[in-house]
């Protein structure tokens, strides 16, 4: 199938380029702190809205199918790689409980999943929220001690542990920074498996 680009679509692309140049100038004006005041923010919103209006018809015409195909291919690839973890018969570490259902649907044993519900190291909770109450901290401390003890027991069984994390998830990034300390505590490396986000695997 051959799709032709008409004169209106060419004009839309040229106008979109002009808008992008305006956005570039606007962002440069905010250097070095990259903060926008209310007037600048309103202008940015207006420019982005115009950009979307110009390009959305082009996206629908030229790349809608490709985007869907790419997303489906990515999902299939991740699932294939995840199923290889099942074959290793180790344990899976995740930070959020909602991810368990996705992994279970893929074929993971829920008994082999460890959900941290936050960082692994107690002190890191205070870095996230220094205003936590004493009662909350007591509960968190019990939880992290229990979690670390479980990881120690798994390491003692000589079973591997793989941390499945989202690339841009804040909690996951904290856990990644903790892993060198965790290795020292449990005496074993934690393997890593990165996914772009859990939404890719939903549905």
Protein backbone atom coordinates (compact mmCIF):
# COMPACT_ATOMS: atom_id res chain seq x y z
CA UNK A 1 0.00 0.00 0.00
CA UNK A 2 1.30 3.46 -0.96
CA UNK A 3 0.17 6.55 0.94
CA UNK A 4 0.67 9.94 -0.63
CA UNK A 5 1.23 13.10 1.35
CA UNK A 6 -0.88 16.02 0.16
CA UNK A 7 -0.18 19.76 0.22
CA UNK A 8 -2.20 20.32 3.42
CA UNK A 9 -0.19 17.65 5.21
CA UNK A 10 3.07 19.19 4.01
CA UNK A 11 1.91 22.56 5.34
CA UNK A 12 1.00 20.95 8.68
CA UNK A 13 4.52 19.52 9.00
CA UNK A 14 6.11 22.89 8.19
CA UNK A 15 3.92 24.65 10.77
CA UNK A 16 4.79 21.94 13.31
CA UNK A 17 8.50 22.62 12.75
CA UNK A 18 7.92 26.34 13.39
CA UNK A 19 6.09 25.50 16.62
CA UNK A 20 8.93 23.23 17.75
CA UNK A 21 11.38 26.08 17.17
CA UNK A 22 9.19 28.33 19.35
CA UNK A 23 9.20 25.66 22.06
CA UNK A 24 12.99 25.39 21.75
CA UNK A 25 13.36 29.16 22.26
CA UNK A 26 10.96 29.06 25.22
CA UNK A 27 12.92 26.29 26.92
CA UNK A 28 16.23 28.05 26.27
CA UNK A 29 14.86 31.17 27.94
CA UNK A 30 14.36 29.17 31.15
CA UNK A 31 18.00 28.04 31.37
CA UNK A 32 19.70 27.21 33.73
CA UNK A 33 16.97 26.22 36.21
CA UNK A 34 14.46 25.08 33.54
CA UNK A 35 11.57 26.59 35.50
CA UNK A 36 8.66 28.24 33.69
CA UNK A 37 6.51 30.99 35.13
CA UNK A 38 2.74 30.95 34.70
CA UNK A 39 2.80 32.95 31.46
CA UNK A 40 5.50 30.74 29.94
CA UNK A 41 3.68 27.59 31.04
CA UNK A 42 0.45 28.76 29.42
CA UNK A 43 2.35 29.49 26.22
CA UNK A 44 3.95 26.04 26.29
CA UNK A 45 0.56 24.38 26.78
CA UNK A 46 -0.85 26.35 23.87
CA UNK A 47 2.06 25.44 21.59
CA UNK A 48 1.85 21.75 22.51
CA UNK A 49 -1.89 21.73 21.87
CA UNK A 50 -1.34 23.29 18.43
CA UNK A 51 1.38 20.76 17.71
CA UNK A 52 -0.92 17.87 18.62
CA UNK A 53 -3.72 19.26 16.43
CA UNK A 54 -1.39 19.53 13.46
CA UNK A 55 0.29 16.13 13.77
CA UNK A 56 -2.47 13.87 15.10
CA UNK A 57 -4.07 13.41 11.65
CA UNK A 58 -0.66 12.49 10.25
CA UNK A 59 -0.03 9.99 13.07
CA UNK A 60 -3.42 8.38 12.40
CA UNK A 61 -2.77 8.14 8.68
CA UNK A 62 0.86 7.06 8.57
CA UNK A 63 2.01 5.37 11.80
CA UNK A 64 -0.99 4.15 13.79
CA UNK A 65 -0.60 0.51 12.65
CA UNK A 66 3.16 0.56 13.11
CA UNK A 67 2.83 1.77 16.70
CA UNK A 68 0.42 -1.03 17.53
CA UNK A 69 2.65 -3.63 15.92
CA UNK A 70 5.70 -2.35 17.77
CA UNK A 71 3.89 -2.40 21.10
CA UNK A 72 2.66 -5.97 20.55
CA UNK A 73 6.11 -7.14 19.44
CA UNK A 74 7.67 -5.57 22.54
CA UNK A 75 5.11 -7.27 24.79
CA UNK A 76 5.76 -10.67 23.20
CA UNK A 77 9.54 -10.26 23.53
CA UNK A 78 9.32 -9.33 27.21
CA UNK A 79 6.99 -12.26 27.94
CA UNK A 80 9.37 -14.69 26.21
CA UNK A 81 12.28 -13.36 28.28
CA UNK A 82 10.23 -13.50 31.49
CA UNK A 83 9.28 -17.13 30.84
CA UNK A 84 12.99 -17.94 30.74
CA UNK A 85 13.11 -16.76 34.37
CA UNK A 86 10.41 -19.28 35.25
CA UNK A 87 12.65 -22.03 33.88
CA UNK A 88 15.42 -20.95 36.28
CA UNK A 89 13.08 -21.80 39.19
CA UNK A 90 14.36 -18.91 41.30
CA UNK A 91 12.59 -16.13 43.18
CA UNK A 92 11.29 -12.85 41.79
CA UNK A 93 11.59 -9.56 43.67
CA UNK A 94 9.18 -6.72 42.78
CA UNK A 95 8.36 -3.46 44.49
CA UNK A 96 4.59 -3.23 43.88
CA UNK A 97 1.86 -5.73 44.70
CA UNK A 98 -0.16 -5.04 41.52
CA UNK A 99 2.67 -6.58 39.46
CA UNK A 100 2.03 -10.02 41.01
CA UNK A 101 -1.18 -10.52 39.03
CA UNK A 102 0.60 -9.77 35.74
CA UNK A 103 3.41 -12.22 36.54
CA UNK A 104 0.94 -14.86 37.71
CA UNK A 105 -0.91 -14.60 34.38
CA UNK A 106 2.39 -15.17 32.57
CA UNK A 107 2.97 -18.32 34.59
CA UNK A 108 4.99 -17.36 37.65
CA UNK A 109 4.38 -19.13 40.96
CA UNK A 110 3.00 -16.56 43.45
CA UNK A 111 4.88 -18.37 46.24
CA UNK A 112 8.11 -17.48 44.45
CA UNK A 113 7.33 -13.75 44.33
CA UNK A 114 8.64 -11.31 46.94
CA UNK A 115 6.94 -7.92 47.11
CA UNK A 116 8.87 -5.23 48.96
CA UNK A 117 6.15 -2.56 48.97
CA UNK A 118 8.92 0.04 49.02
CA UNK A 119 12.70 0.21 49.52
CA UNK A 120 14.56 -2.73 51.05
CA UNK A 121 16.61 -0.67 53.53
CA UNK A 122 14.76 0.94 56.44
CA UNK A 123 16.69 4.24 56.41
CA UNK A 124 15.69 4.91 52.79
CA UNK A 125 12.06 5.38 53.83
CA UNK A 126 13.11 8.50 55.74
CA UNK A 127 14.83 9.82 52.62
CA UNK A 128 11.53 9.52 50.75
CA UNK A 129 9.38 10.90 53.56
CA UNK A 130 11.19 12.42 56.59
CA UNK A 131 7.80 13.21 58.19
CA UNK A 132 6.77 9.59 58.83
CA UNK A 133 5.26 9.08 62.28
CA UNK A 134 6.91 6.92 64.92
CA UNK A 135 4.18 4.32 64.62
CA UNK A 136 4.60 4.12 60.84
CA UNK A 137 8.36 3.77 61.22
CA UNK A 138 7.95 0.89 63.65
CA UNK A 139 5.77 -0.96 61.15
CA UNK A 140 8.19 -0.23 58.31
CA UNK A 141 11.14 -1.44 60.36
CA UNK A 142 9.41 -4.75 61.13
CA UNK A 143 8.56 -5.14 57.46
CA UNK A 144 12.11 -4.48 56.21
CA UNK A 145 13.66 -6.81 58.82
CA UNK A 146 11.25 -9.57 57.79
CA UNK A 147 12.02 -8.94 54.12
CA UNK A 148 15.80 -9.03 54.60
CA UNK A 149 15.52 -12.24 56.64
CA UNK A 150 13.53 -13.85 53.83
CA UNK A 151 16.16 -12.83 51.28
CA UNK A 152 18.85 -14.31 53.56
CA UNK A 153 16.95 -17.59 53.79
CA UNK A 154 16.56 -17.77 50.01
CA UNK A 155 20.28 -17.09 49.57
CA UNK A 156 20.98 -19.80 52.14
CA UNK A 157 19.00 -22.25 50.00
CA UNK A 158 21.30 -21.31 47.10
CA UNK A 159 18.29 -20.09 45.09
CA UNK A 160 18.73 -17.13 42.76
CA UNK A 161 16.79 -13.87 43.14
CA UNK A 162 15.88 -11.65 40.20
CA UNK A 163 14.68 -8.07 40.67
CA UNK A 164 12.18 -7.08 37.96
CA UNK A 165 12.09 -3.30 37.79
CA UNK A 166 10.60 -0.47 35.79
CA UNK A 167 13.09 1.78 34.08
CA UNK A 168 11.66 5.05 35.44
CA UNK A 169 10.00 3.95 38.67
CA UNK A 170 11.29 5.96 41.65
CA UNK A 171 11.05 3.14 44.19
CA UNK A 172 12.70 0.70 41.80
CA UNK A 173 15.58 3.12 41.28
CA UNK A 174 16.10 3.34 45.05
CA UNK A 175 16.15 -0.47 45.29
CA UNK A 176 18.73 -0.62 42.50
CA UNK A 177 20.96 1.69 44.54
CA UNK A 178 20.50 -0.56 47.59
CA UNK A 179 21.52 -3.80 45.90
CA UNK A 180 25.24 -3.57 46.63
CA UNK A 181 24.40 -3.31 50.35
CA UNK A 182 21.85 -6.12 50.03
CA UNK A 183 24.50 -8.32 48.40
CA UNK A 184 26.74 -7.81 51.43
CA UNK A 185 23.90 -8.57 53.86
CA UNK A 186 22.60 -11.75 52.20
CA UNK A 187 25.89 -12.91 50.67
CA UNK A 188 24.53 -13.25 47.15
CA UNK A 189 24.05 -11.21 44.01
CA UNK A 190 20.57 -10.16 42.90
CA UNK A 191 20.01 -10.54 39.17
CA UNK A 192 18.27 -7.75 37.24
CA UNK A 193 15.48 -7.73 34.66
CA UNK A 194 14.38 -4.37 33.28
CA UNK A 195 11.00 -3.65 31.71
CA UNK A 196 9.90 -0.29 30.26
CA UNK A 197 6.72 -0.35 32.39
CA UNK A 198 4.15 -2.85 33.68
CA UNK A 199 1.41 -1.44 31.45
CA UNK A 200 3.13 -3.02 28.44
CA UNK A 201 2.25 -6.44 29.89
CA UNK A 202 -1.34 -5.69 30.84
CA UNK A 203 -4.29 -6.98 28.85
